[in-house]
């Protein structure tokens, strides 16, 4: 009975925290494909992209604040001043509590 509990506990720990049990390469670097992807996403200039996106808005400060939040979460902003949501699906999928589109 105790051995089953230990096995179940170890399996649950592995499911909850996969980074603890992630494979390590020979040189000691964690083998994680998301590392390269994350470094590319960090290079997004949210301020510049949101300024361009909101330049024709009737409420530019509100637009830039919402756009900045969306950009930080998704690491992308669709080109142009409106639309083009197919370029950044994450940006398009964020909604408010009322179900309206969050990102301008």
PDB file of N, CA and C in Angstrom:
ATOM      1  N   UNK A   1       0.828  -1.184   0.000  1.00  0.00           N
ATOM      2  CA  UNK A   1       0.000   0.000   0.000  1.00  0.00           C
ATOM      3  C   UNK A   1       0.876   1.252   0.000  1.00  0.00           C
ATOM      4  N   UNK A   2       1.921   1.309   0.829  1.00  0.00           N
ATOM      5  CA  UNK A   2       2.814   2.461   0.881  1.00  0.00           C
ATOM      6  C   UNK A   2       3.571   2.651  -0.425  1.00  0.00           C
ATOM      7  N   UNK A   3       3.987   1.576  -1.059  1.00  0.00           N
ATOM      8  CA  UNK A   3       4.734   1.692  -2.311  1.00  0.00           C
ATOM      9  C   UNK A   3       3.848   2.270  -3.414  1.00  0.00           C
ATOM     10  N   UNK A   4       2.569   1.932  -3.418  1.00  0.00           N
ATOM     11  CA  UNK A   4       1.647   2.495  -4.409  1.00  0.00           C
ATOM     12  C   UNK A   4       1.500   4.002  -4.200  1.00  0.00           C
ATOM     13  N   UNK A   5       1.425   4.407  -2.971  1.00  0.00           N
ATOM     14  CA  UNK A   5       1.294   5.822  -2.653  1.00  0.00           C
ATOM     15  C   UNK A   5       2.522   6.595  -3.105  1.00  0.00           C
ATOM     16  N   UNK A   6       3.689   6.017  -2.920  1.00  0.00           N
ATOM     17  CA  UNK A   6       4.931   6.664  -3.334  1.00  0.00           C
ATOM     18  C   UNK A   6       4.970   6.793  -4.861  1.00  0.00           C
ATOM     19  N   UNK A   7       4.598   5.726  -5.555  1.00  0.00           N
ATOM     20  CA  UNK A   7       4.612   5.744  -7.028  1.00  0.00           C
ATOM     21  C   UNK A   7       3.626   6.790  -7.549  1.00  0.00           C
ATOM     22  N   UNK A   8       2.436   6.834  -6.994  1.00  0.00           N
ATOM     23  CA  UNK A   8       1.440   7.810  -7.420  1.00  0.00           C
ATOM     24  C   UNK A   8       1.925   9.228  -7.125  1.00  0.00           C
ATOM     25  N   UNK A   9       2.545   9.433  -5.981  1.00  0.00           N
ATOM     26  CA  UNK A   9       3.061  10.757  -5.627  1.00  0.00           C
ATOM     27  C   UNK A   9       4.140  11.205  -6.604  1.00  0.00           C
ATOM     28  N   UNK A  10       5.038  10.310  -6.960  1.00  0.00           N
ATOM     29  CA  UNK A  10       6.105  10.646  -7.898  1.00  0.00           C
ATOM     30  C   UNK A  10       5.522  10.967  -9.269  1.00  0.00           C
ATOM     31  N   UNK A  11       4.552  10.193  -9.710  1.00  0.00           N
ATOM     32  CA  UNK A  11       3.930  10.456 -11.012  1.00  0.00           C
ATOM     33  C   UNK A  11       3.218  11.805 -11.019  1.00  0.00           C
ATOM     34  N   UNK A  12       2.533  12.142  -9.957  1.00  0.00           N
ATOM     35  CA  UNK A  12       1.856  13.432  -9.867  1.00  0.00           C
ATOM     36  C   UNK A  12       2.856  14.581  -9.874  1.00  0.00           C
ATOM     37  N   UNK A  13       3.966  14.412  -9.168  1.00  0.00           N
ATOM     38  CA  UNK A  13       4.991  15.448  -9.147  1.00  0.00           C
ATOM     39  C   UNK A  13       5.573  15.665 -10.542  1.00  0.00           C
ATOM     40  N   UNK A  14       5.754  14.587 -11.286  1.00  0.00           N
ATOM     41  CA  UNK A  14       6.291  14.695 -12.635  1.00  0.00           C
ATOM     42  C   UNK A  14       5.318  15.414 -13.551  1.00  0.00           C
ATOM     43  N   UNK A  15       4.030  15.198 -13.374  1.00  0.00           N
ATOM     44  CA  UNK A  15       3.029  15.854 -14.211  1.00  0.00           C
ATOM     45  C   UNK A  15       2.907  17.328 -13.856  1.00  0.00           C
ATOM     46  N   UNK A  16       3.008  17.670 -12.594  1.00  0.00           N
ATOM     47  CA  UNK A  16       2.827  19.041 -12.148  1.00  0.00           C
ATOM     48  C   UNK A  16       4.042  19.896 -12.461  1.00  0.00           C
ATOM     49  N   UNK A  17       5.229  19.387 -12.287  1.00  0.00           N
ATOM     50  CA  UNK A  17       6.437  20.182 -12.527  1.00  0.00           C
ATOM     51  C   UNK A  17       7.353  19.470 -13.505  1.00  0.00           C
ATOM     52  N   UNK A  18       7.091  19.598 -14.817  1.00  0.00           N
ATOM     53  CA  UNK A  18       7.913  18.898 -15.803  1.00  0.00           C
ATOM     54  C   UNK A  18       9.332  19.440 -15.894  1.00  0.00           C
ATOM     55  N   UNK A  19       9.582  20.683 -15.474  1.00  0.00           N
ATOM     56  CA  UNK A  19      10.935  21.228 -15.566  1.00  0.00           C
ATOM     57  C   UNK A  19      11.893  20.560 -14.600  1.00  0.00           C
ATOM     58  N   UNK A  20      11.374  20.037 -13.492  1.00  0.00           N
ATOM     59  CA  UNK A  20      12.227  19.358 -12.524  1.00  0.00           C
ATOM     60  C   UNK A  20      12.802  18.084 -13.131  1.00  0.00           C
ATOM     61  N   UNK A  21      12.036  17.438 -13.978  1.00  0.00           N
ATOM     62  CA  UNK A  21      12.455  16.171 -14.555  1.00  0.00           C
ATOM     63  C   UNK A  21      12.789  16.294 -16.037  1.00  0.00           C
ATOM     64  N   UNK A  22      13.135  17.510 -16.504  1.00  0.00           N
ATOM     65  CA  UNK A  22      13.431  17.698 -17.913  1.00  0.00           C
ATOM     66  C   UNK A  22      14.799  17.120 -18.249  1.00  0.00           C
ATOM     67  N   UNK A  23      14.980  16.672 -19.479  1.00  0.00           N
ATOM     68  CA  UNK A  23      16.267  16.095 -19.876  1.00  0.00           C
ATOM     69  C   UNK A  23      17.352  17.156 -19.923  1.00  0.00           C
ATOM     70  N   UNK A  24      18.567  16.768 -19.571  1.00  0.00           N
ATOM     71  CA  UNK A  24      19.710  17.667 -19.590  1.00  0.00           C
ATOM     72  C   UNK A  24      20.716  17.121 -20.572  1.00  0.00           C
ATOM     73  N   UNK A  25      21.236  18.006 -21.417  1.00  0.00           N
ATOM     74  CA  UNK A  25      22.228  17.591 -22.391  1.00  0.00           C
ATOM     75  C   UNK A  25      23.579  17.399 -21.715  1.00  0.00           C
ATOM     76  N   UNK A  26      24.542  16.867 -22.440  1.00  0.00           N
ATOM     77  CA  UNK A  26      25.842  16.529 -21.875  1.00  0.00           C
ATOM     78  C   UNK A  26      26.589  17.737 -21.308  1.00  0.00           C
ATOM     79  N   UNK A  27      26.395  18.917 -21.909  1.00  0.00           N
ATOM     80  CA  UNK A  27      27.117  20.085 -21.424  1.00  0.00           C
ATOM     81  C   UNK A  27      26.394  20.785 -20.272  1.00  0.00           C
ATOM     82  N   UNK A  28      25.296  20.223 -19.784  1.00  0.00           N
ATOM     83  CA  UNK A  28      24.595  20.764 -18.633  1.00  0.00           C
ATOM     84  C   UNK A  28      23.488  21.744 -18.980  1.00  0.00           C
ATOM     85  N   UNK A  29      23.252  21.969 -20.257  1.00  0.00           N
ATOM     86  CA  UNK A  29      22.196  22.877 -20.684  1.00  0.00           C
ATOM     87  C   UNK A  29      20.895  22.094 -20.790  1.00  0.00           C
ATOM     88  N   UNK A  30      19.819  22.663 -20.280  1.00  0.00           N
ATOM     89  CA  UNK A  30      18.525  21.987 -20.338  1.00  0.00           C
ATOM     90  C   UNK A  30      18.055  21.947 -21.780  1.00  0.00           C
ATOM     91  N   UNK A  31      17.644  20.765 -22.217  1.00  0.00           N
ATOM     92  CA  UNK A  31      17.153  20.590 -23.583  1.00  0.00           C
ATOM     93  C   UNK A  31      15.693  21.018 -23.633  1.00  0.00           C
ATOM     94  N   UNK A  32      15.473  22.255 -24.034  1.00  0.00           N
ATOM     95  CA  UNK A  32      14.124  22.789 -24.054  1.00  0.00           C
ATOM     96  C   UNK A  32      13.943  23.578 -25.348  1.00  0.00           C
ATOM     97  N   UNK A  33      13.042  23.131 -26.213  1.00  0.00           N
ATOM     98  CA  UNK A  33      12.818  23.786 -27.486  1.00  0.00           C
ATOM     99  C   UNK A  33      12.151  25.150 -27.325  1.00  0.00           C
ATOM    100  N   UNK A  34      11.485  25.399 -26.209  1.00  0.00           N
ATOM    101  CA  UNK A  34      10.794  26.663 -25.995  1.00  0.00           C
ATOM    102  C   UNK A  34      11.761  27.796 -25.677  1.00  0.00           C
ATOM    103  N   UNK A  35      12.999  27.486 -25.303  1.00  0.00           N
ATOM    104  CA  UNK A  35      13.968  28.515 -24.948  1.00  0.00           C
ATOM    105  C   UNK A  35      14.269  29.393 -26.147  1.00  0.00           C
ATOM    106  N   UNK A  36      14.530  28.786 -27.294  1.00  0.00           N
ATOM    107  CA  UNK A  36      14.829  29.562 -28.491  1.00  0.00           C
ATOM    108  C   UNK A  36      13.606  30.364 -28.908  1.00  0.00           C
ATOM    109  N   UNK A  37      12.427  29.763 -28.850  1.00  0.00           N
ATOM    110  CA  UNK A  37      11.191  30.436 -29.222  1.00  0.00           C
ATOM    111  C   UNK A  37      10.921  31.609 -28.285  1.00  0.00           C
ATOM    112  N   UNK A  38      11.142  31.428 -26.990  1.00  0.00           N
ATOM    113  CA  UNK A  38      10.900  32.486 -26.016  1.00  0.00           C
ATOM    114  C   UNK A  38      11.851  33.654 -26.233  1.00  0.00           C
ATOM    115  N   UNK A  39      13.099  33.384 -26.603  1.00  0.00           N
ATOM    116  CA  UNK A  39      14.037  34.476 -26.811  1.00  0.00           C
ATOM    117  C   UNK A  39      13.639  35.313 -28.014  1.00  0.00           C
ATOM    118  N   UNK A  40      13.038  34.702 -29.028  1.00  0.00           N
ATOM    119  CA  UNK A  40      12.563  35.454 -30.181  1.00  0.00           C
ATOM    120  C   UNK A  40      11.361  36.312 -29.804  1.00  0.00           C
ATOM    121  N   UNK A  41      10.498  35.794 -28.942  1.00  0.00           N
ATOM    122  CA  UNK A  41       9.309  36.531 -28.549  1.00  0.00           C
ATOM    123  C   UNK A  41       9.646  37.725 -27.677  1.00  0.00           C
ATOM    124  N   UNK A  42      10.720  37.659 -26.909  1.00  0.00           N
ATOM    125  CA  UNK A  42      11.097  38.748 -26.025  1.00  0.00           C
ATOM    126  C   UNK A  42      11.550  39.985 -26.800  1.00  0.00           C
ATOM    127  N   UNK A  43      11.871  39.859 -28.077  1.00  0.00           N
ATOM    128  CA  UNK A  43      12.404  40.958 -28.854  1.00  0.00           C
ATOM    129  C   UNK A  43      11.319  41.859 -29.438  1.00  0.00           C
ATOM    130  N   UNK A  44      10.051  41.590 -29.195  1.00  0.00           N
ATOM    131  CA  UNK A  44       8.972  42.411 -29.718  1.00  0.00           C
ATOM    132  C   UNK A  44       8.981  43.773 -29.048  1.00  0.00           C
ATOM    133  N   UNK A  45       8.964  44.832 -29.853  1.00  0.00           N
ATOM    134  CA  UNK A  45       8.915  46.203 -29.346  1.00  0.00           C
ATOM    135  C   UNK A  45       7.448  46.585 -29.186  1.00  0.00           C
ATOM    136  N   UNK A  46       6.889  46.279 -28.018  1.00  0.00           N
ATOM    137  CA  UNK A  46       5.469  46.527 -27.785  1.00  0.00           C
ATOM    138  C   UNK A  46       5.137  48.013 -27.846  1.00  0.00           C
ATOM    139  N   UNK A  47       6.005  48.851 -27.312  1.00  0.00           N
ATOM    140  CA  UNK A  47       5.731  50.288 -27.319  1.00  0.00           C
ATOM    141  C   UNK A  47       5.593  50.841 -28.720  1.00  0.00           C
ATOM    142  N   UNK A  48       6.548  50.515 -29.573  1.00  0.00           N
ATOM    143  CA  UNK A  48       6.516  50.996 -30.959  1.00  0.00           C
ATOM    144  C   UNK A  48       5.373  50.402 -31.753  1.00  0.00           C
ATOM    145  N   UNK A  49       5.145  49.099 -31.565  1.00  0.00           N
ATOM    146  CA  UNK A  49       4.072  48.432 -32.299  1.00  0.00           C
ATOM    147  C   UNK A  49       2.709  48.982 -31.888  1.00  0.00           C
ATOM    148  N   UNK A  50       2.521  49.233 -30.594  1.00  0.00           N
ATOM    149  CA  UNK A  50       1.233  49.747 -30.120  1.00  0.00           C
ATOM    150  C   UNK A  50       1.035  51.208 -30.499  1.00  0.00           C
ATOM    151  N   UNK A  51       2.101  51.977 -30.557  1.00  0.00           N
ATOM    152  CA  UNK A  51       1.995  53.365 -31.013  1.00  0.00           C
ATOM    153  C   UNK A  51       1.519  53.397 -32.457  1.00  0.00           C
ATOM    154  N   UNK A  52       2.078  52.525 -33.280  1.00  0.00           N
ATOM    155  CA  UNK A  52       1.658  52.450 -34.681  1.00  0.00           C
ATOM    156  C   UNK A  52       0.218  51.947 -34.796  1.00  0.00           C
ATOM    157  N   UNK A  53      -0.126  50.955 -33.988  1.00  0.00           N
ATOM    158  CA  UNK A  53      -1.471  50.375 -34.046  1.00  0.00           C
ATOM    159  C   UNK A  53      -2.533  51.391 -33.610  1.00  0.00           C
ATOM    160  N   UNK A  54      -2.218  52.222 -32.636  1.00  0.00           N
ATOM    161  CA  UNK A  54      -3.207  53.118 -32.034  1.00  0.00           C
ATOM    162  C   UNK A  54      -3.133  54.551 -32.534  1.00  0.00           C
ATOM    163  N   UNK A  55      -2.353  54.827 -33.551  1.00  0.00           N
ATOM    164  CA  UNK A  55      -2.147  56.213 -33.958  1.00  0.00           C
ATOM    165  C   UNK A  55      -3.415  56.889 -34.476  1.00  0.00           C
ATOM    166  N   UNK A  56      -4.397  56.145 -34.980  1.00  0.00           N
ATOM    167  CA  UNK A  56      -5.636  56.741 -35.479  1.00  0.00           C
ATOM    168  C   UNK A  56      -6.808  56.568 -34.515  1.00  0.00           C
ATOM    169  N   UNK A  57      -6.547  56.033 -33.340  1.00  0.00           N
ATOM    170  CA  UNK A  57      -7.607  55.779 -32.375  1.00  0.00           C
ATOM    171  C   UNK A  57      -8.173  57.088 -31.822  1.00  0.00           C
ATOM    172  N   UNK A  58      -9.466  57.071 -31.510  1.00  0.00           N
ATOM    173  CA  UNK A  58     -10.079  58.249 -30.896  1.00  0.00           C
ATOM    174  C   UNK A  58      -9.678  58.366 -29.426  1.00  0.00           C
ATOM    175  N   UNK A  59      -9.246  57.272 -28.841  1.00  0.00           N
ATOM    176  CA  UNK A  59      -8.780  57.249 -27.441  1.00  0.00           C
ATOM    177  C   UNK A  59      -7.404  56.587 -27.407  1.00  0.00           C
ATOM    178  N   UNK A  60      -6.369  57.299 -27.838  1.00  0.00           N
ATOM    179  CA  UNK A  60      -5.049  56.683 -28.015  1.00  0.00           C
ATOM    180  C   UNK A  60      -4.420  56.136 -26.738  1.00  0.00           C
ATOM    181  N   UNK A  61      -4.602  56.801 -25.597  1.00  0.00           N
ATOM    182  CA  UNK A  61      -3.988  56.289 -24.363  1.00  0.00           C
ATOM    183  C   UNK A  61      -4.641  54.983 -23.928  1.00  0.00           C
ATOM    184  N   UNK A  62      -5.956  54.898 -24.023  1.00  0.00           N
ATOM    185  CA  UNK A  62      -6.660  53.658 -23.688  1.00  0.00           C
ATOM    186  C   UNK A  62      -6.256  52.546 -24.656  1.00  0.00           C
ATOM    187  N   UNK A  63      -6.178  52.889 -25.924  1.00  0.00           N
ATOM    188  CA  UNK A  63      -5.782  51.918 -26.949  1.00  0.00           C
ATOM    189  C   UNK A  63      -4.374  51.387 -26.683  1.00  0.00           C
ATOM    190  N   UNK A  64      -3.428  52.282 -26.379  1.00  0.00           N
ATOM    191  CA  UNK A  64      -2.047  51.860 -26.134  1.00  0.00           C
ATOM    192  C   UNK A  64      -1.941  50.988 -24.888  1.00  0.00           C
ATOM    193  N   UNK A  65      -2.729  51.315 -23.853  1.00  0.00           N
ATOM    194  CA  UNK A  65      -2.690  50.515 -22.634  1.00  0.00           C
ATOM    195  C   UNK A  65      -3.208  49.099 -22.901  1.00  0.00           C
ATOM    196  N   UNK A  66      -4.338  48.990 -23.606  1.00  0.00           N
ATOM    197  CA  UNK A  66      -4.890  47.668 -23.929  1.00  0.00           C
ATOM    198  C   UNK A  66      -3.960  46.907 -24.869  1.00  0.00           C
ATOM    199  N   UNK A  67      -3.447  47.590 -25.857  1.00  0.00           N
ATOM    200  CA  UNK A  67      -2.530  46.963 -26.814  1.00  0.00           C
ATOM    201  C   UNK A  67      -1.264  46.478 -26.111  1.00  0.00           C
ATOM    202  N   UNK A  68      -0.748  47.290 -25.193  1.00  0.00           N
ATOM    203  CA  UNK A  68       0.462  46.909 -24.464  1.00  0.00           C
ATOM    204  C   UNK A  68       0.262  45.650 -23.640  1.00  0.00           C
ATOM    205  N   UNK A  69      -0.901  45.547 -22.981  1.00  0.00           N
ATOM    206  CA  UNK A  69      -1.216  44.345 -22.208  1.00  0.00           C
ATOM    207  C   UNK A  69      -1.277  43.125 -23.123  1.00  0.00           C
ATOM    208  N   UNK A  70      -1.951  43.278 -24.245  1.00  0.00           N
ATOM    209  CA  UNK A  70      -2.075  42.165 -25.192  1.00  0.00           C
ATOM    210  C   UNK A  70      -0.724  41.781 -25.780  1.00  0.00           C
ATOM    211  N   UNK A  71       0.084  42.777 -26.089  1.00  0.00           N
ATOM    212  CA  UNK A  71       1.408  42.515 -26.651  1.00  0.00           C
ATOM    213  C   UNK A  71       2.293  41.775 -25.657  1.00  0.00           C
ATOM    214  N   UNK A  72       2.239  42.166 -24.385  1.00  0.00           N
ATOM    215  CA  UNK A  72       3.039  41.487 -23.366  1.00  0.00           C
ATOM    216  C   UNK A  72       2.629  40.021 -23.245  1.00  0.00           C
ATOM    217  N   UNK A  73       1.338  39.743 -23.330  1.00  0.00           N
ATOM    218  CA  UNK A  73       0.860  38.364 -23.204  1.00  0.00           C
ATOM    219  C   UNK A  73       1.150  37.537 -24.440  1.00  0.00           C
ATOM    220  N   UNK A  74       1.010  38.142 -25.614  1.00  0.00           N
ATOM    221  CA  UNK A  74       1.112  37.385 -26.866  1.00  0.00           C
ATOM    222  C   UNK A  74       2.432  37.579 -27.604  1.00  0.00           C
ATOM    223  N   UNK A  75       3.173  38.612 -27.254  1.00  0.00           N
ATOM    224  CA  UNK A  75       4.445  38.945 -27.910  1.00  0.00           C
ATOM    225  C   UNK A  75       4.288  39.221 -29.391  1.00  0.00           C
ATOM    226  N   UNK A  76       3.148  39.753 -29.766  1.00  0.00           N
ATOM    227  CA  UNK A  76       2.953  40.184 -31.144  1.00  0.00           C
ATOM    228  C   UNK A  76       1.800  41.173 -31.199  1.00  0.00           C
ATOM    229  N   UNK A  77       1.841  42.025 -32.222  1.00  0.00           N
ATOM    230  CA  UNK A  77       0.776  42.986 -32.493  1.00  0.00           C
ATOM    231  C   UNK A  77       0.523  42.919 -33.988  1.00  0.00           C
ATOM    232  N   UNK A  78      -0.738  42.775 -34.402  1.00  0.00           N
ATOM    233  CA  UNK A  78      -1.025  42.735 -35.841  1.00  0.00           C
ATOM    234  C   UNK A  78      -0.627  44.042 -36.522  1.00  0.00           C
ATOM    235  N   UNK A  79      -0.209  43.980 -37.767  1.00  0.00           N
ATOM    236  CA  UNK A  79       0.175  45.201 -38.478  1.00  0.00           C
ATOM    237  C   UNK A  79      -1.051  46.058 -38.806  1.00  0.00           C
ATOM    238  N   UNK A  80      -0.819  47.323 -39.049  1.00  0.00           N
ATOM    239  CA  UNK A  80      -1.895  48.238 -39.421  1.00  0.00           C
ATOM    240  C   UNK A  80      -2.578  48.829 -38.205  1.00  0.00           C
ATOM    241  N   UNK A  81      -3.575  49.659 -38.453  1.00  0.00           N
ATOM    242  CA  UNK A  81      -4.280  50.327 -37.366  1.00  0.00           C
ATOM    243  C   UNK A  81      -5.531  49.579 -36.925  1.00  0.00           C
ATOM    244  N   UNK A  82      -5.961  48.595 -37.686  1.00  0.00           N
ATOM    245  CA  UNK A  82      -7.132  47.786 -37.315  1.00  0.00           C
ATOM    246  C   UNK A  82      -7.109  46.481 -38.103  1.00  0.00           C
ATOM    247  N   UNK A  83      -7.847  45.485 -37.595  1.00  0.00           N
ATOM    248  CA  UNK A  83      -7.954  44.208 -38.301  1.00  0.00           C
ATOM    249  C   UNK A  83      -6.660  43.419 -38.295  1.00  0.00           C
ATOM    250  N   UNK A  84      -6.457  42.604 -39.313  1.00  0.00           N
ATOM    251  CA  UNK A  84      -5.275  41.750 -39.489  1.00  0.00           C
ATOM    252  C   UNK A  84      -5.058  40.797 -38.316  1.00  0.00           C
ATOM    253  N   UNK A  85      -6.134  40.385 -37.663  1.00  0.00           N
ATOM    254  CA  UNK A  85      -6.018  39.512 -36.498  1.00  0.00           C
ATOM    255  C   UNK A  85      -5.492  38.123 -36.853  1.00  0.00           C
ATOM    256  N   UNK A  86      -5.576  37.722 -38.120  1.00  0.00           N
ATOM    257  CA  UNK A  86      -5.084  36.404 -38.518  1.00  0.00           C
ATOM    258  C   UNK A  86      -3.564  36.293 -38.369  1.00  0.00           C
ATOM    259  N   UNK A  87      -2.869  37.417 -38.350  1.00  0.00           N
ATOM    260  CA  UNK A  87      -1.407  37.417 -38.191  1.00  0.00           C
ATOM    261  C   UNK A  87      -1.020  37.019 -36.769  1.00  0.00           C
ATOM    262  N   UNK A  88      -1.838  37.383 -35.795  1.00  0.00           N
ATOM    263  CA  UNK A  88      -1.541  37.124 -34.388  1.00  0.00           C
ATOM    264  C   UNK A  88      -2.787  36.544 -33.706  1.00  0.00           C
ATOM    265  N   UNK A  89      -3.020  35.228 -33.809  1.00  0.00           N
ATOM    266  CA  UNK A  89      -4.239  34.623 -33.259  1.00  0.00           C
ATOM    267  C   UNK A  89      -4.389  34.811 -31.748  1.00  0.00           C
ATOM    268  N   UNK A  90      -3.291  34.813 -31.006  1.00  0.00           N
ATOM    269  CA  UNK A  90      -3.354  35.011 -29.563  1.00  0.00           C
ATOM    270  C   UNK A  90      -3.936  36.384 -29.258  1.00  0.00           C
ATOM    271  N   UNK A  91      -3.478  37.388 -29.966  1.00  0.00           N
ATOM    272  CA  UNK A  91      -3.928  38.770 -29.797  1.00  0.00           C
ATOM    273  C   UNK A  91      -5.431  38.865 -30.045  1.00  0.00           C
ATOM    274  N   UNK A  92      -5.894  38.157 -31.052  1.00  0.00           N
ATOM    275  CA  UNK A  92      -7.311  38.190 -31.425  1.00  0.00           C
ATOM    276  C   UNK A  92      -8.189  37.415 -30.439  1.00  0.00           C
ATOM    277  N   UNK A  93      -7.623  36.442 -29.738  1.00  0.00           N
ATOM    278  CA  UNK A  93      -8.440  35.578 -28.879  1.00  0.00           C
ATOM    279  C   UNK A  93      -8.654  36.131 -27.470  1.00  0.00           C
ATOM    280  N   UNK A  94      -7.909  37.156 -27.072  1.00  0.00           N
ATOM    281  CA  UNK A  94      -8.079  37.720 -25.728  1.00  0.00           C
ATOM    282  C   UNK A  94      -9.378  38.513 -25.656  1.00  0.00           C
ATOM    283  N   UNK A  95     -10.182  38.236 -24.616  1.00  0.00           N
ATOM    284  CA  UNK A  95     -11.466  38.920 -24.463  1.00  0.00           C
ATOM    285  C   UNK A  95     -11.604  39.501 -23.062  1.00  0.00           C
ATOM    286  N   UNK A  96     -12.532  40.448 -22.917  1.00  0.00           N
ATOM    287  CA  UNK A  96     -12.830  41.041 -21.618  1.00  0.00           C
ATOM    288  C   UNK A  96     -13.779  40.124 -20.862  1.00  0.00           C
ATOM    289  N   UNK A  97     -14.116  40.494 -19.620  1.00  0.00           N
ATOM    290  CA  UNK A  97     -15.072  39.708 -18.847  1.00  0.00           C
ATOM    291  C   UNK A  97     -16.436  39.689 -19.522  1.00  0.00           C
ATOM    292  N   UNK A  98     -16.750  40.720 -20.274  1.00  0.00           N
ATOM    293  CA  UNK A  98     -18.029  40.813 -20.960  1.00  0.00           C
ATOM    294  C   UNK A  98     -18.051  40.067 -22.288  1.00  0.00           C
ATOM    295  N   UNK A  99     -16.933  39.454 -22.662  1.00  0.00           N
ATOM    296  CA  UNK A  99     -16.882  38.681 -23.909  1.00  0.00           C
ATOM    297  C   UNK A  99     -16.507  39.504 -25.131  1.00  0.00           C
ATOM    298  N   UNK A 100     -16.214  40.771 -24.938  1.00  0.00           N
ATOM    299  CA  UNK A 100     -15.795  41.602 -26.059  1.00  0.00           C
ATOM    300  C   UNK A 100     -14.301  41.463 -26.288  1.00  0.00           C
ATOM    301  N   UNK A 101     -13.866  41.778 -27.498  1.00  0.00           N
ATOM    302  CA  UNK A 101     -12.436  41.695 -27.836  1.00  0.00           C
ATOM    303  C   UNK A 101     -11.651  42.695 -26.980  1.00  0.00           C
ATOM    304  N   UNK A 102     -10.606  42.222 -26.328  1.00  0.00           N
ATOM    305  CA  UNK A 102      -9.807  43.065 -25.446  1.00  0.00           C
ATOM    306  C   UNK A 102      -8.815  43.926 -26.209  1.00  0.00           C
ATOM    307  N   UNK A 103      -8.230  43.360 -27.237  1.00  0.00           N
ATOM    308  CA  UNK A 103      -7.128  44.007 -27.937  1.00  0.00           C
ATOM    309  C   UNK A 103      -7.624  44.836 -29.125  1.00  0.00           C
ATOM    310  N   UNK A 104      -7.109  46.074 -29.226  1.00  0.00           N
ATOM    311  CA  UNK A 104      -7.552  46.950 -30.321  1.00  0.00           C
ATOM    312  C   UNK A 104      -6.975  46.519 -31.664  1.00  0.00           C
TER     313      UNK A 104
END
